[in-house]
Amino acid sequence: MTKLALKYNRTLPQMLYWETEKGVEFLESVGVKADDTVLDFGCRVGHYTVPAAKAVGSKGTVYAMDTQEDALAELEQKKNIQKQTNIRIIKTFGQLSLPLKGSIIDVVLFYDVLHYLKETDRRKLYREAFRVLKQNGLLSVYPKHCLGDNPIMEFQNMGMENIKGEIQDSSFVFSKQHCGFISHDDGLNQGCVLNFIKCKEKD
């Protein structure tokens, strides 16, 4: 048994349950569907990538993108253990331009990642999400660490409405807010995600 398998069997049963069952249910309720192509930006060890891969099924694809080599190596092990051949791992170097063609993605996940970025960089990333999403595609955002939820870094003075507003300014249309137990680091907590739809660009 690998060190990763031992880790999940002995110390992180909650996260194994999340990645194989509860997280799949959560992402399906958010809007991830069978056969979708999903981008998990800032995926780390894949706490959203793995359940997304299960939700989209064998005919779907999940692009898992991150800068951290160790985290991506762990995700690669998970991918092999669970035989998730529909996961495509992409190592990045901090650039905000997404190495994907335009209009090929059904769902973009920005989960627990935006608080690292300054407003100008967030807005660049929203534009990139708009570019890679298909028409009527879904941008789903988990704005962890904003006001009311352990605020830190670039979100320490921002609330959910502020974040919603700057995404709407980037041509996205707000769809719904979905709350429940969601992964954060190596545990679960109560949190809310914001869903936006890519509509026609503003003139």
N, C-alpha and C. Protein backbone atom coordinates (compact mmCIF):
# COMPACT_ATOMS: atom_id res chain seq x y z
N MET A 1 0.84 -1.19 0.00
CA MET A 1 0.00 0.00 0.00
C MET A 1 0.88 1.25 0.00
N THR A 2 0.56 2.22 -0.85
CA THR A 2 1.36 3.43 -0.95
C THR A 2 1.15 4.33 0.27
N LYS A 3 2.08 5.28 0.47
CA LYS A 3 1.94 6.23 1.57
C LYS A 3 0.65 7.02 1.43
N LEU A 4 0.27 7.36 0.18
CA LEU A 4 -0.96 8.11 -0.02
C LEU A 4 -2.17 7.30 0.41
N ALA A 5 -2.20 6.02 0.04
CA ALA A 5 -3.32 5.17 0.42
C ALA A 5 -3.40 5.03 1.93
N LEU A 6 -2.25 4.89 2.58
CA LEU A 6 -2.23 4.80 4.04
C LEU A 6 -2.75 6.09 4.67
N LYS A 7 -2.33 7.22 4.10
CA LYS A 7 -2.76 8.52 4.61
C LYS A 7 -4.28 8.62 4.58
N TYR A 8 -4.88 8.20 3.50
CA TYR A 8 -6.32 8.34 3.37
C TYR A 8 -7.08 7.31 4.19
N ASN A 9 -6.52 6.13 4.32
CA ASN A 9 -7.19 5.10 5.11
C ASN A 9 -7.12 5.37 6.60
N ARG A 10 -6.02 5.97 7.06
CA ARG A 10 -5.79 6.11 8.49
C ARG A 10 -6.08 7.50 9.04
N THR A 11 -5.74 8.53 8.28
CA THR A 11 -5.80 9.87 8.86
C THR A 11 -6.83 10.78 8.21
N LEU A 12 -7.25 10.51 6.98
CA LEU A 12 -8.17 11.42 6.31
C LEU A 12 -9.40 10.70 5.74
N PRO A 13 -10.05 9.87 6.54
CA PRO A 13 -11.24 9.18 6.01
C PRO A 13 -12.32 10.16 5.57
N GLN A 14 -12.42 11.30 6.26
CA GLN A 14 -13.40 12.32 5.90
C GLN A 14 -13.17 12.82 4.49
N MET A 15 -11.91 13.03 4.10
CA MET A 15 -11.62 13.54 2.77
C MET A 15 -11.79 12.47 1.70
N LEU A 16 -11.52 11.23 2.06
CA LEU A 16 -11.78 10.14 1.11
C LEU A 16 -13.27 10.06 0.82
N TYR A 17 -14.08 10.20 1.86
CA TYR A 17 -15.54 10.20 1.70
C TYR A 17 -15.98 11.40 0.86
N TRP A 18 -15.35 12.56 1.12
CA TRP A 18 -15.67 13.75 0.33
C TRP A 18 -15.34 13.52 -1.14
N GLU A 19 -14.15 13.05 -1.43
CA GLU A 19 -13.70 12.93 -2.82
C GLU A 19 -14.46 11.86 -3.59
N THR A 20 -14.92 10.83 -2.92
CA THR A 20 -15.56 9.72 -3.63
C THR A 20 -17.08 9.77 -3.60
N GLU A 21 -17.66 10.49 -2.63
CA GLU A 21 -19.11 10.51 -2.53
C GLU A 21 -19.68 11.92 -2.31
N LYS A 22 -19.45 12.48 -1.13
CA LYS A 22 -20.09 13.74 -0.77
C LYS A 22 -19.71 14.88 -1.71
N GLY A 23 -18.46 14.94 -2.10
CA GLY A 23 -18.02 15.99 -3.02
C GLY A 23 -18.64 15.85 -4.39
N VAL A 24 -18.85 14.61 -4.81
CA VAL A 24 -19.52 14.38 -6.10
C VAL A 24 -20.93 14.93 -6.05
N GLU A 25 -21.64 14.62 -4.96
CA GLU A 25 -23.01 15.12 -4.78
C GLU A 25 -23.02 16.65 -4.75
N PHE A 26 -22.06 17.24 -4.04
CA PHE A 26 -22.01 18.70 -3.93
C PHE A 26 -21.81 19.33 -5.30
N LEU A 27 -20.83 18.85 -6.06
CA LEU A 27 -20.54 19.45 -7.36
C LEU A 27 -21.68 19.23 -8.35
N GLU A 28 -22.35 18.10 -8.26
CA GLU A 28 -23.52 17.89 -9.11
C GLU A 28 -24.62 18.88 -8.77
N SER A 29 -24.80 19.17 -7.48
CA SER A 29 -25.82 20.14 -7.08
C SER A 29 -25.43 21.56 -7.50
N VAL A 30 -24.13 21.82 -7.59
CA VAL A 30 -23.65 23.12 -8.06
C VAL A 30 -23.91 23.29 -9.55
N GLY A 31 -23.82 22.18 -10.31
CA GLY A 31 -24.09 22.27 -11.75
C GLY A 31 -23.16 21.48 -12.64
N VAL A 32 -22.22 20.72 -12.07
CA VAL A 32 -21.34 19.87 -12.87
C VAL A 32 -22.15 18.65 -13.33
N LYS A 33 -22.08 18.35 -14.65
CA LYS A 33 -22.91 17.29 -15.22
C LYS A 33 -22.06 16.25 -15.93
N ALA A 34 -22.67 15.11 -16.18
CA ALA A 34 -22.02 14.06 -16.96
C ALA A 34 -21.58 14.62 -18.31
N ASP A 35 -20.39 14.22 -18.75
CA ASP A 35 -19.80 14.59 -20.04
C ASP A 35 -19.26 16.02 -20.10
N ASP A 36 -19.34 16.77 -19.02
CA ASP A 36 -18.80 18.13 -19.00
C ASP A 36 -17.28 18.14 -19.10
N THR A 37 -16.76 19.28 -19.56
CA THR A 37 -15.33 19.57 -19.47
C THR A 37 -15.17 20.65 -18.41
N VAL A 38 -14.38 20.34 -17.38
CA VAL A 38 -14.25 21.20 -16.21
C VAL A 38 -12.81 21.66 -16.05
N LEU A 39 -12.62 22.91 -15.62
CA LEU A 39 -11.30 23.42 -15.24
C LEU A 39 -11.30 23.68 -13.74
N ASP A 40 -10.41 23.01 -13.01
CA ASP A 40 -10.22 23.26 -11.59
C ASP A 40 -8.93 24.05 -11.44
N PHE A 41 -9.07 25.37 -11.32
CA PHE A 41 -7.91 26.27 -11.26
C PHE A 41 -7.45 26.39 -9.81
N GLY A 42 -6.16 26.14 -9.58
CA GLY A 42 -5.63 26.14 -8.22
C GLY A 42 -6.07 24.88 -7.48
N CYS A 43 -5.94 23.76 -8.15
CA CYS A 43 -6.51 22.49 -7.69
C CYS A 43 -5.82 21.88 -6.48
N ARG A 44 -4.58 22.26 -6.20
CA ARG A 44 -3.79 21.63 -5.14
C ARG A 44 -3.82 20.10 -5.27
N VAL A 45 -4.21 19.39 -4.20
CA VAL A 45 -4.13 17.92 -4.22
C VAL A 45 -5.39 17.27 -4.79
N GLY A 46 -6.32 18.10 -5.27
CA GLY A 46 -7.46 17.54 -6.00
C GLY A 46 -8.72 17.27 -5.20
N HIS A 47 -8.93 18.00 -4.10
CA HIS A 47 -10.14 17.77 -3.32
C HIS A 47 -11.41 18.12 -4.09
N TYR A 48 -11.27 18.92 -5.15
CA TYR A 48 -12.40 19.16 -6.05
C TYR A 48 -12.21 18.44 -7.38
N THR A 49 -10.96 18.27 -7.80
CA THR A 49 -10.68 17.60 -9.07
C THR A 49 -11.23 16.18 -9.09
N VAL A 50 -10.96 15.42 -8.04
CA VAL A 50 -11.36 14.01 -8.02
C VAL A 50 -12.87 13.85 -8.05
N PRO A 51 -13.63 14.55 -7.17
CA PRO A 51 -15.09 14.41 -7.28
C PRO A 51 -15.64 14.96 -8.58
N ALA A 52 -15.02 16.01 -9.14
CA ALA A 52 -15.47 16.53 -10.44
C ALA A 52 -15.28 15.47 -11.52
N ALA A 53 -14.15 14.75 -11.47
CA ALA A 53 -13.89 13.70 -12.45
C ALA A 53 -14.93 12.59 -12.37
N LYS A 54 -15.36 12.29 -11.15
CA LYS A 54 -16.40 11.28 -10.99
C LYS A 54 -17.75 11.80 -11.48
N ALA A 55 -18.01 13.08 -11.26
CA ALA A 55 -19.28 13.66 -11.68
C ALA A 55 -19.42 13.73 -13.20
N VAL A 56 -18.33 14.03 -13.90
CA VAL A 56 -18.42 14.15 -15.37
C VAL A 56 -18.37 12.80 -16.06
N GLY A 57 -17.85 11.78 -15.38
CA GLY A 57 -17.81 10.44 -15.96
C GLY A 57 -16.72 10.25 -17.00
N SER A 58 -16.70 9.07 -17.57
CA SER A 58 -15.61 8.68 -18.47
C SER A 58 -15.58 9.49 -19.76
N LYS A 59 -16.70 10.09 -20.16
CA LYS A 59 -16.73 10.88 -21.39
C LYS A 59 -16.46 12.36 -21.12
N GLY A 60 -16.33 12.73 -19.86
CA GLY A 60 -15.99 14.10 -19.51
C GLY A 60 -14.50 14.23 -19.25
N THR A 61 -14.07 15.47 -19.02
CA THR A 61 -12.65 15.76 -18.77
C THR A 61 -12.55 16.82 -17.69
N VAL A 62 -11.55 16.65 -16.81
CA VAL A 62 -11.26 17.68 -15.81
C VAL A 62 -9.81 18.11 -15.97
N TYR A 63 -9.59 19.39 -16.25
CA TYR A 63 -8.26 19.96 -16.28
C TYR A 63 -7.93 20.46 -14.88
N ALA A 64 -6.87 19.94 -14.31
CA ALA A 64 -6.44 20.30 -12.94
C ALA A 64 -5.17 21.12 -13.05
N MET A 65 -5.24 22.38 -12.60
CA MET A 65 -4.16 23.33 -12.84
C MET A 65 -3.65 23.90 -11.52
N ASP A 66 -2.31 23.87 -11.34
CA ASP A 66 -1.73 24.42 -10.12
C ASP A 66 -0.24 24.66 -10.35
N THR A 67 0.34 25.43 -9.42
CA THR A 67 1.78 25.73 -9.48
C THR A 67 2.61 24.78 -8.62
N GLN A 68 1.97 24.08 -7.67
CA GLN A 68 2.70 23.32 -6.66
C GLN A 68 3.00 21.89 -7.12
N GLU A 69 4.27 21.61 -7.34
CA GLU A 69 4.66 20.31 -7.85
C GLU A 69 4.30 19.17 -6.89
N ASP A 70 4.54 19.36 -5.59
CA ASP A 70 4.23 18.31 -4.62
C ASP A 70 2.74 18.00 -4.60
N ALA A 71 1.92 19.03 -4.64
CA ALA A 71 0.47 18.83 -4.64
C ALA A 71 0.02 18.10 -5.90
N LEU A 72 0.57 18.47 -7.04
CA LEU A 72 0.21 17.82 -8.29
C LEU A 72 0.70 16.37 -8.34
N ALA A 73 1.84 16.10 -7.70
CA ALA A 73 2.33 14.73 -7.62
C ALA A 73 1.37 13.87 -6.80
N GLU A 74 0.83 14.43 -5.72
CA GLU A 74 -0.15 13.70 -4.91
C GLU A 74 -1.43 13.47 -5.71
N LEU A 75 -1.84 14.47 -6.46
CA LEU A 75 -3.02 14.30 -7.31
C LEU A 75 -2.79 13.22 -8.36
N GLU A 76 -1.60 13.18 -8.91
CA GLU A 76 -1.28 12.14 -9.90
C GLU A 76 -1.40 10.75 -9.29
N GLN A 77 -0.95 10.60 -8.04
CA GLN A 77 -1.10 9.31 -7.35
C GLN A 77 -2.57 8.96 -7.16
N LYS A 78 -3.36 9.93 -6.74
CA LYS A 78 -4.79 9.68 -6.57
C LYS A 78 -5.43 9.26 -7.90
N LYS A 79 -5.07 9.98 -8.94
CA LYS A 79 -5.59 9.68 -10.27
C LYS A 79 -5.30 8.23 -10.64
N ASN A 80 -4.09 7.76 -10.34
CA ASN A 80 -3.71 6.39 -10.67
C ASN A 80 -4.40 5.38 -9.77
N ILE A 81 -4.48 5.68 -8.45
CA ILE A 81 -5.13 4.77 -7.52
C ILE A 81 -6.59 4.57 -7.88
N GLN A 82 -7.27 5.66 -8.22
CA GLN A 82 -8.70 5.59 -8.50
C GLN A 82 -9.01 5.38 -9.98
N LYS A 83 -7.94 5.27 -10.78
CA LYS A 83 -8.10 5.02 -12.22
C LYS A 83 -8.98 6.08 -12.89
N GLN A 84 -8.71 7.33 -12.53
CA GLN A 84 -9.45 8.45 -13.11
C GLN A 84 -8.71 8.95 -14.34
N THR A 85 -8.91 8.29 -15.46
CA THR A 85 -8.18 8.63 -16.68
C THR A 85 -8.68 9.92 -17.33
N ASN A 86 -9.75 10.48 -16.80
CA ASN A 86 -10.29 11.71 -17.40
C ASN A 86 -9.74 12.98 -16.76
N ILE A 87 -8.72 12.84 -15.91
CA ILE A 87 -8.07 14.01 -15.30
C ILE A 87 -6.83 14.39 -16.10
N ARG A 88 -6.71 15.65 -16.50
CA ARG A 88 -5.54 16.17 -17.20
C ARG A 88 -4.84 17.18 -16.28
N ILE A 89 -3.65 16.84 -15.82
CA ILE A 89 -2.93 17.69 -14.88
C ILE A 89 -2.04 18.68 -15.64
N ILE A 90 -2.12 19.95 -15.27
CA ILE A 90 -1.34 21.01 -15.93
C ILE A 90 -0.55 21.76 -14.88
N LYS A 91 0.76 21.73 -14.98
CA LYS A 91 1.64 22.49 -14.09
C LYS A 91 1.79 23.90 -14.66
N THR A 92 1.50 24.90 -13.84
CA THR A 92 1.65 26.28 -14.28
C THR A 92 2.74 26.96 -13.46
N PHE A 93 3.04 28.19 -13.83
CA PHE A 93 4.12 28.92 -13.18
C PHE A 93 3.65 30.28 -12.68
N GLY A 94 2.39 30.34 -12.28
CA GLY A 94 1.84 31.57 -11.73
C GLY A 94 1.23 32.51 -12.74
N GLN A 95 1.26 32.15 -14.03
CA GLN A 95 0.67 33.03 -15.03
C GLN A 95 -0.84 32.99 -14.94
N LEU A 96 -1.47 34.09 -15.29
CA LEU A 96 -2.92 34.18 -15.24
C LEU A 96 -3.57 33.84 -16.57
N SER A 97 -2.79 33.76 -17.63
CA SER A 97 -3.32 33.32 -18.92
C SER A 97 -3.46 31.80 -18.87
N LEU A 98 -4.64 31.31 -19.17
CA LEU A 98 -4.91 29.88 -19.09
C LEU A 98 -4.46 29.19 -20.38
N PRO A 99 -3.66 28.14 -20.28
CA PRO A 99 -3.13 27.47 -21.48
C PRO A 99 -4.16 26.54 -22.13
N LEU A 100 -5.30 27.12 -22.47
CA LEU A 100 -6.40 26.36 -23.08
C LEU A 100 -7.00 27.18 -24.21
N LYS A 101 -7.55 26.50 -25.20
CA LYS A 101 -8.23 27.19 -26.29
C LYS A 101 -9.52 27.82 -25.78
N GLY A 102 -10.04 28.77 -26.53
CA GLY A 102 -11.26 29.44 -26.14
C GLY A 102 -12.50 28.59 -26.37
N SER A 103 -13.50 28.81 -25.53
CA SER A 103 -14.84 28.23 -25.68
C SER A 103 -14.83 26.69 -25.70
N ILE A 104 -14.05 26.07 -24.80
CA ILE A 104 -14.01 24.61 -24.74
C ILE A 104 -14.43 24.06 -23.38
N ILE A 105 -14.64 24.94 -22.39
CA ILE A 105 -14.91 24.51 -21.03
C ILE A 105 -16.38 24.74 -20.67
N ASP A 106 -16.98 23.74 -20.01
CA ASP A 106 -18.36 23.87 -19.54
C ASP A 106 -18.43 24.51 -18.16
N VAL A 107 -17.48 24.17 -17.28
CA VAL A 107 -17.49 24.66 -15.91
C VAL A 107 -16.08 25.04 -15.49
N VAL A 108 -15.91 26.24 -14.95
CA VAL A 108 -14.65 26.67 -14.34
C VAL A 108 -14.86 26.76 -12.84
N LEU A 109 -13.96 26.16 -12.07
CA LEU A 109 -14.00 26.23 -10.61
C LEU A 109 -12.87 27.12 -10.12
N PHE A 110 -13.23 28.22 -9.44
CA PHE A 110 -12.29 29.04 -8.70
C PHE A 110 -12.63 28.85 -7.22
N TYR A 111 -12.15 27.77 -6.64
CA TYR A 111 -12.53 27.40 -5.28
C TYR A 111 -11.37 27.65 -4.32
N ASP A 112 -11.59 28.55 -3.36
CA ASP A 112 -10.60 28.82 -2.30
C ASP A 112 -9.25 29.22 -2.88
N VAL A 113 -9.28 30.10 -3.88
CA VAL A 113 -8.04 30.49 -4.53
C VAL A 113 -7.95 32.00 -4.77
N LEU A 114 -9.08 32.69 -4.91
CA LEU A 114 -9.06 34.08 -5.33
C LEU A 114 -8.48 35.03 -4.29
N HIS A 115 -8.51 34.64 -3.01
CA HIS A 115 -7.99 35.53 -1.96
C HIS A 115 -6.47 35.73 -2.07
N TYR A 116 -5.80 34.91 -2.86
CA TYR A 116 -4.36 35.08 -3.07
C TYR A 116 -4.05 36.22 -4.05
N LEU A 117 -5.03 36.63 -4.84
CA LEU A 117 -4.79 37.53 -5.97
C LEU A 117 -5.29 38.95 -5.70
N LYS A 118 -4.50 39.92 -6.14
CA LYS A 118 -4.92 41.31 -6.08
C LYS A 118 -6.06 41.53 -7.08
N GLU A 119 -6.82 42.61 -6.87
CA GLU A 119 -8.00 42.84 -7.70
C GLU A 119 -7.67 42.86 -9.18
N THR A 120 -6.59 43.52 -9.59
CA THR A 120 -6.26 43.58 -11.01
C THR A 120 -6.01 42.18 -11.57
N ASP A 121 -5.37 41.33 -10.79
CA ASP A 121 -5.10 39.96 -11.24
C ASP A 121 -6.38 39.12 -11.25
N ARG A 122 -7.24 39.34 -10.26
CA ARG A 122 -8.52 38.62 -10.28
C ARG A 122 -9.31 38.96 -11.54
N ARG A 123 -9.32 40.23 -11.89
CA ARG A 123 -10.09 40.64 -13.07
C ARG A 123 -9.49 40.04 -14.35
N LYS A 124 -8.18 39.92 -14.40
CA LYS A 124 -7.55 39.24 -15.55
C LYS A 124 -8.00 37.79 -15.61
N LEU A 125 -8.06 37.16 -14.44
CA LEU A 125 -8.45 35.75 -14.38
C LEU A 125 -9.92 35.58 -14.78
N TYR A 126 -10.79 36.51 -14.38
CA TYR A 126 -12.19 36.42 -14.80
C TYR A 126 -12.29 36.51 -16.32
N ARG A 127 -11.50 37.40 -16.92
CA ARG A 127 -11.53 37.53 -18.38
C ARG A 127 -11.07 36.24 -19.05
N GLU A 128 -10.06 35.61 -18.47
CA GLU A 128 -9.59 34.34 -19.01
C GLU A 128 -10.65 33.25 -18.87
N ALA A 129 -11.34 33.24 -17.73
CA ALA A 129 -12.43 32.28 -17.55
C ALA A 129 -13.51 32.50 -18.60
N PHE A 130 -13.83 33.76 -18.85
CA PHE A 130 -14.82 34.09 -19.87
C PHE A 130 -14.38 33.57 -21.24
N ARG A 131 -13.10 33.72 -21.52
CA ARG A 131 -12.57 33.29 -22.83
C ARG A 131 -12.67 31.77 -23.02
N VAL A 132 -12.31 31.00 -22.01
CA VAL A 132 -12.25 29.54 -22.20
C VAL A 132 -13.61 28.88 -22.05
N LEU A 133 -14.57 29.55 -21.40
CA LEU A 133 -15.90 28.95 -21.22
C LEU A 133 -16.70 28.97 -22.52
N LYS A 134 -17.50 27.94 -22.69
CA LYS A 134 -18.48 27.93 -23.76
C LYS A 134 -19.58 28.95 -23.45
N GLN A 135 -20.33 29.34 -24.49
CA GLN A 135 -21.48 30.20 -24.25
C GLN A 135 -22.44 29.52 -23.28
N ASN A 136 -22.90 30.27 -22.28
CA ASN A 136 -23.76 29.76 -21.20
C ASN A 136 -23.02 28.80 -20.27
N GLY A 137 -21.69 28.80 -20.34
CA GLY A 137 -20.89 28.00 -19.42
C GLY A 137 -20.95 28.57 -18.01
N LEU A 138 -20.53 27.76 -17.05
CA LEU A 138 -20.67 28.09 -15.63
C LEU A 138 -19.32 28.43 -15.00
N LEU A 139 -19.26 29.58 -14.33
CA LEU A 139 -18.14 29.93 -13.47
C LEU A 139 -18.63 29.78 -12.03
N SER A 140 -18.02 28.87 -11.27
CA SER A 140 -18.41 28.63 -9.89
C SER A 140 -17.27 29.05 -8.98
N VAL A 141 -17.57 29.91 -8.02
CA VAL A 141 -16.54 30.54 -7.18
C VAL A 141 -16.82 30.23 -5.71
N TYR A 142 -15.81 29.72 -5.01
CA TYR A 142 -15.90 29.56 -3.56
C TYR A 142 -15.01 30.64 -2.95
N PRO A 143 -15.58 31.77 -2.51
CA PRO A 143 -14.77 32.88 -2.02
C PRO A 143 -14.41 32.73 -0.55
N LYS A 144 -13.74 31.66 -0.25
CA LYS A 144 -13.28 31.42 1.12
C LYS A 144 -12.38 32.57 1.57
N HIS A 145 -12.44 32.89 2.86
CA HIS A 145 -11.60 33.91 3.50
C HIS A 145 -12.04 35.34 3.20
N CYS A 146 -13.32 35.51 2.82
CA CYS A 146 -13.84 36.86 2.74
C CYS A 146 -14.48 37.22 4.09
N LEU A 147 -15.01 38.41 4.21
CA LEU A 147 -15.59 38.85 5.48
C LEU A 147 -16.68 37.88 5.94
N GLY A 148 -16.62 37.51 7.19
CA GLY A 148 -17.56 36.55 7.75
C GLY A 148 -17.08 35.12 7.64
N ASP A 149 -15.93 34.90 7.03
CA ASP A 149 -15.42 33.54 6.84
C ASP A 149 -13.89 33.55 6.95
N ASN A 150 -13.40 33.91 8.14
CA ASN A 150 -11.96 33.96 8.40
C ASN A 150 -11.23 34.80 7.35
N PRO A 151 -11.55 36.10 7.26
CA PRO A 151 -10.97 36.95 6.21
C PRO A 151 -9.45 37.11 6.33
N ILE A 152 -8.76 36.89 5.22
CA ILE A 152 -7.31 37.05 5.17
C ILE A 152 -6.90 37.57 3.80
N MET A 153 -5.66 38.00 3.71
CA MET A 153 -5.01 38.37 2.46
C MET A 153 -5.86 39.37 1.67
N GLU A 154 -6.08 39.13 0.40
CA GLU A 154 -6.75 40.11 -0.46
C GLU A 154 -8.25 40.21 -0.20
N PHE A 155 -8.81 39.27 0.57
CA PHE A 155 -10.24 39.31 0.88
C PHE A 155 -10.53 39.83 2.28
N GLN A 156 -9.52 40.32 2.98
CA GLN A 156 -9.74 40.67 4.38
C GLN A 156 -10.72 41.82 4.58
N ASN A 157 -10.93 42.62 3.55
CA ASN A 157 -11.90 43.71 3.64
C ASN A 157 -13.04 43.58 2.63
N MET A 158 -13.22 42.37 2.11
CA MET A 158 -14.23 42.15 1.07
C MET A 158 -15.28 41.15 1.54
N GLY A 159 -16.54 41.46 1.26
CA GLY A 159 -17.63 40.55 1.54
C GLY A 159 -18.08 39.85 0.27
N MET A 160 -19.03 38.95 0.42
CA MET A 160 -19.55 38.19 -0.73
C MET A 160 -20.11 39.12 -1.80
N GLU A 161 -20.80 40.17 -1.38
CA GLU A 161 -21.40 41.08 -2.36
C GLU A 161 -20.35 41.83 -3.16
N ASN A 162 -19.22 42.17 -2.53
CA ASN A 162 -18.13 42.82 -3.25
C ASN A 162 -17.56 41.90 -4.33
N ILE A 163 -17.37 40.65 -3.96
CA ILE A 163 -16.81 39.67 -4.90
C ILE A 163 -17.78 39.40 -6.03
N LYS A 164 -19.05 39.27 -5.68
CA LYS A 164 -20.08 39.07 -6.70
C LYS A 164 -20.07 40.23 -7.69
N GLY A 165 -19.95 41.45 -7.17
CA GLY A 165 -19.98 42.63 -8.02
C GLY A 165 -18.83 42.69 -9.01
N GLU A 166 -17.62 42.36 -8.57
CA GLU A 166 -16.49 42.46 -9.50
C GLU A 166 -16.54 41.37 -10.56
N ILE A 167 -17.15 40.23 -10.25
CA ILE A 167 -17.30 39.18 -11.27
C ILE A 167 -18.39 39.57 -12.27
N GLN A 168 -19.45 40.17 -11.79
CA GLN A 168 -20.50 40.65 -12.69
C GLN A 168 -19.97 41.76 -13.60
N ASP A 169 -19.02 42.54 -13.12
CA ASP A 169 -18.40 43.58 -13.94
C ASP A 169 -17.60 42.99 -15.10
N SER A 170 -17.29 41.70 -15.02
CA SER A 170 -16.50 41.03 -16.06
C SER A 170 -17.39 40.26 -17.03
N SER A 171 -18.62 40.73 -17.20
CA SER A 171 -19.59 40.22 -18.18
C SER A 171 -20.30 38.94 -17.76
N PHE A 172 -20.03 38.45 -16.55
CA PHE A 172 -20.76 37.28 -16.07
C PHE A 172 -22.09 37.70 -15.45
N VAL A 173 -23.07 36.82 -15.55
CA VAL A 173 -24.39 37.05 -14.96
C VAL A 173 -24.54 36.13 -13.76
N PHE A 174 -24.86 36.71 -12.62
CA PHE A 174 -25.03 35.89 -11.41
C PHE A 174 -26.22 34.96 -11.58
N SER A 175 -26.02 33.69 -11.17
CA SER A 175 -27.06 32.68 -11.31
C SER A 175 -27.66 32.30 -9.96
N LYS A 176 -26.81 31.81 -9.04
CA LYS A 176 -27.34 31.40 -7.74
C LYS A 176 -26.21 31.27 -6.73
N GLN A 177 -26.59 31.21 -5.48
CA GLN A 177 -25.67 30.90 -4.39
C GLN A 177 -26.04 29.52 -3.85
N HIS A 178 -25.02 28.68 -3.65
CA HIS A 178 -25.28 27.32 -3.17
C HIS A 178 -24.43 27.09 -1.93
N CYS A 179 -25.07 26.71 -0.83
CA CYS A 179 -24.36 26.54 0.44
C CYS A 179 -24.45 25.09 0.93
N GLY A 180 -23.44 24.69 1.68
CA GLY A 180 -23.42 23.34 2.25
C GLY A 180 -22.05 23.06 2.83
N PHE A 181 -21.80 21.80 3.20
CA PHE A 181 -20.48 21.42 3.66
C PHE A 181 -19.57 21.24 2.46
N ILE A 182 -18.41 21.86 2.52
CA ILE A 182 -17.50 21.89 1.38
C ILE A 182 -16.07 21.72 1.87
N SER A 183 -15.23 21.21 1.00
CA SER A 183 -13.84 20.96 1.36
C SER A 183 -13.07 22.27 1.55
N HIS A 184 -12.27 22.27 2.61
CA HIS A 184 -11.30 23.36 2.82
C HIS A 184 -10.05 22.74 3.41
N ASP A 185 -8.93 22.87 2.69
CA ASP A 185 -7.68 22.20 3.08
C ASP A 185 -7.96 20.70 3.22
N ASP A 186 -7.67 20.11 4.37
CA ASP A 186 -7.89 18.66 4.52
C ASP A 186 -9.08 18.36 5.43
N GLY A 187 -10.08 19.24 5.41
CA GLY A 187 -11.28 19.03 6.21
C GLY A 187 -12.49 19.57 5.50
N LEU A 188 -13.63 19.54 6.19
CA LEU A 188 -14.86 20.07 5.65
C LEU A 188 -15.36 21.19 6.54
N ASN A 189 -15.96 22.20 5.92
CA ASN A 189 -16.59 23.26 6.69
C ASN A 189 -17.83 23.75 5.95
N GLN A 190 -18.65 24.52 6.65
CA GLN A 190 -19.82 25.11 6.02
C GLN A 190 -19.36 26.28 5.15
N GLY A 191 -19.81 26.30 3.91
CA GLY A 191 -19.41 27.37 3.01
C GLY A 191 -20.42 27.56 1.89
N CYS A 192 -20.28 28.65 1.17
CA CYS A 192 -21.18 28.97 0.05
C CYS A 192 -20.38 29.25 -1.21
N VAL A 193 -20.88 28.77 -2.33
CA VAL A 193 -20.28 29.08 -3.62
C VAL A 193 -21.23 29.98 -4.40
N LEU A 194 -20.64 30.80 -5.26
CA LEU A 194 -21.39 31.71 -6.12
C LEU A 194 -21.28 31.21 -7.56
N ASN A 195 -22.42 31.06 -8.23
CA ASN A 195 -22.44 30.61 -9.61
C ASN A 195 -22.76 31.76 -10.56
N PHE A 196 -22.03 31.81 -11.65
CA PHE A 196 -22.21 32.82 -12.68
C PHE A 196 -22.26 32.14 -14.05
N ILE A 197 -22.97 32.75 -14.96
CA ILE A 197 -23.11 32.22 -16.32
C ILE A 197 -22.40 33.16 -17.30
N LYS A 198 -21.71 32.57 -18.26
CA LYS A 198 -21.10 33.35 -19.33
C LYS A 198 -22.19 33.71 -20.34
N CYS A 199 -22.45 34.97 -20.48
CA CYS A 199 -23.39 35.46 -21.48
C CYS A 199 -22.63 36.29 -22.49
N LYS A 200 -23.35 36.82 -23.47
CA LYS A 200 -22.71 37.60 -24.52
C LYS A 200 -21.93 38.76 -23.92
N GLU A 201 -20.73 39.02 -24.45
CA GLU A 201 -19.91 40.12 -23.95
C GLU A 201 -20.61 41.46 -24.11
N LYS A 202 -20.36 42.32 -23.12
CA LYS A 202 -20.93 43.67 -23.20
C LYS A 202 -20.28 44.47 -24.32
N ASP A 203 -21.05 45.33 -24.96
CA ASP A 203 -20.50 46.18 -26.03
C ASP A 203 -19.61 47.26 -25.45
